Amino acid sequence: MAKSNKINIENLNIFNHPRYMKVWAQQFSKACGSDTFNVAPDTITLRYLMEKFVKDYNFHLEGLEEE
């Protein structure tokens, strides 16, 4: 599991490989915080990850439409 966390998704499209999506999902889950351990969500990171998802999805979708 530590191997996938070393992937920097900053300059990658998360839809290009399932591993990239998994790293994104792990970061998203962590940013959501925890009710069990009383950890507040990291809203700045959540916003960045949501924007990344939308941007990468739209780019990926445009590529599919061209085919």
C-alpha atoms as a PDB file:
ATOM      1  CA  MET A   1       0.000   0.000   0.000  1.00  0.00           C
ATOM      2  CA  ALA A   2       2.863   2.406   0.659  1.00  0.00           C
ATOM      3  CA  LYS A   3       3.937   1.988  -2.964  1.00  0.00           C
ATOM      4  CA  SER A   4       0.735   3.574  -4.321  1.00  0.00           C
ATOM      5  CA  ASN A   5       1.054   6.542  -1.949  1.00  0.00           C
ATOM      6  CA  LYS A   6       4.381   7.471  -3.568  1.00  0.00           C
ATOM      7  CA  ILE A   7       2.602   8.282  -6.824  1.00  0.00           C
ATOM      8  CA  ASN A   8       2.205  12.025  -7.250  1.00  0.00           C
ATOM      9  CA  ILE A   9      -1.118  12.550  -9.014  1.00  0.00           C
ATOM     10  CA  GLU A  10      -0.508  16.276  -9.434  1.00  0.00           C
ATOM     11  CA  ASN A  11       0.510  16.019 -13.089  1.00  0.00           C
ATOM     12  CA  LEU A  12      -1.263  12.751 -13.934  1.00  0.00           C
ATOM     13  CA  ASN A  13      -4.765  12.158 -15.200  1.00  0.00           C
ATOM     14  CA  ILE A  14      -6.321   9.917 -12.549  1.00  0.00           C
ATOM     15  CA  PHE A  15      -8.399   8.178 -15.234  1.00  0.00           C
ATOM     16  CA  ASN A  16      -5.339   6.892 -17.110  1.00  0.00           C
ATOM     17  CA  HIS A  17      -4.710   4.000 -14.710  1.00  0.00           C
ATOM     18  CA  PRO A  18      -6.682   2.375 -11.878  1.00  0.00           C
ATOM     19  CA  ARG A  19      -3.716   2.855  -9.540  1.00  0.00           C
ATOM     20  CA  TYR A  20      -3.914   6.642  -9.996  1.00  0.00           C
ATOM     21  CA  MET A  21      -7.613   6.595  -9.151  1.00  0.00           C
ATOM     22  CA  LYS A  22      -6.859   4.527  -6.051  1.00  0.00           C
ATOM     23  CA  VAL A  23      -4.238   7.027  -4.870  1.00  0.00           C
ATOM     24  CA  TRP A  24      -6.733   9.858  -5.465  1.00  0.00           C
ATOM     25  CA  ALA A  25      -9.403   7.955  -3.511  1.00  0.00           C
ATOM     26  CA  GLN A  26      -7.051   7.332  -0.580  1.00  0.00           C
ATOM     27  CA  GLN A  27      -6.171  11.017  -0.438  1.00  0.00           C
ATOM     28  CA  PHE A  28      -9.860  11.938  -0.650  1.00  0.00           C
ATOM     29  CA  SER A  29     -10.762   9.516   2.139  1.00  0.00           C
ATOM     30  CA  LYS A  30      -8.014  10.902   4.381  1.00  0.00           C
ATOM     31  CA  ALA A  31      -9.110  14.487   3.667  1.00  0.00           C
ATOM     32  CA  CYS A  32     -12.671  13.618   4.713  1.00  0.00           C
ATOM     33  CA  GLY A  33     -11.481  13.274   8.293  1.00  0.00           C
ATOM     34  CA  SER A  34     -12.946  10.834  10.785  1.00  0.00           C
ATOM     35  CA  ASP A  35     -16.039  10.854  12.965  1.00  0.00           C
ATOM     36  CA  THR A  36     -14.601   7.992  15.005  1.00  0.00           C
ATOM     37  CA  PHE A  37     -11.414   9.830  15.931  1.00  0.00           C
ATOM     38  CA  ASN A  38     -12.976  13.303  15.868  1.00  0.00           C
ATOM     39  CA  VAL A  39     -10.798  14.547  12.986  1.00  0.00           C
ATOM     40  CA  ALA A  40     -12.278  17.433  11.032  1.00  0.00           C
ATOM     41  CA  PRO A  41     -12.284  17.334   7.236  1.00  0.00           C
ATOM     42  CA  ASP A  42      -9.556  19.155   5.362  1.00  0.00           C
ATOM     43  CA  THR A  43     -11.813  21.264   3.155  1.00  0.00           C
ATOM     44  CA  ILE A  44      -8.963  22.810   1.167  1.00  0.00           C
ATOM     45  CA  THR A  45      -7.636  19.404   0.153  1.00  0.00           C
ATOM     46  CA  LEU A  46     -11.164  18.150  -0.529  1.00  0.00           C
ATOM     47  CA  ARG A  47     -11.831  21.081  -2.850  1.00  0.00           C
ATOM     48  CA  TYR A  48      -8.531  20.502  -4.691  1.00  0.00           C
ATOM     49  CA  LEU A  49      -9.260  16.771  -5.103  1.00  0.00           C
ATOM     50  CA  MET A  50     -12.815  17.396  -6.315  1.00  0.00           C
ATOM     51  CA  GLU A  51     -11.574  19.957  -8.851  1.00  0.00           C
ATOM     52  CA  LYS A  52      -8.872  17.509  -9.982  1.00  0.00           C
ATOM     53  CA  PHE A  53     -11.482  14.784 -10.455  1.00  0.00           C
ATOM     54  CA  VAL A  54     -13.714  17.039 -12.564  1.00  0.00           C
ATOM     55  CA  LYS A  55     -10.824  18.382 -14.653  1.00  0.00           C
ATOM     56  CA  ASP A  56      -9.371  14.927 -15.303  1.00  0.00           C
ATOM     57  CA  TYR A  57     -12.807  13.427 -15.993  1.00  0.00           C
ATOM     58  CA  ASN A  58     -13.687  16.138 -18.515  1.00  0.00           C
ATOM     59  CA  PHE A  59     -10.336  15.702 -20.284  1.00  0.00           C
ATOM     60  CA  HIS A  60     -10.799  11.926 -20.365  1.00  0.00           C
ATOM     61  CA  LEU A  61     -14.370  12.271 -21.628  1.00  0.00           C
ATOM     62  CA  GLU A  62     -13.279  14.602 -24.454  1.00  0.00           C
ATOM     63  CA  GLY A  63     -10.782  11.952 -25.551  1.00  0.00           C
ATOM     64  CA  LEU A  64     -13.507   9.307 -25.621  1.00  0.00           C
ATOM     65  CA  GLU A  65     -15.811  11.528 -27.669  1.00  0.00           C
ATOM     66  CA  GLU A  66     -13.120  12.034 -30.317  1.00  0.00           C
ATOM     67  CA  GLU A  67     -12.791   8.273 -30.892  1.00  0.00           C
END
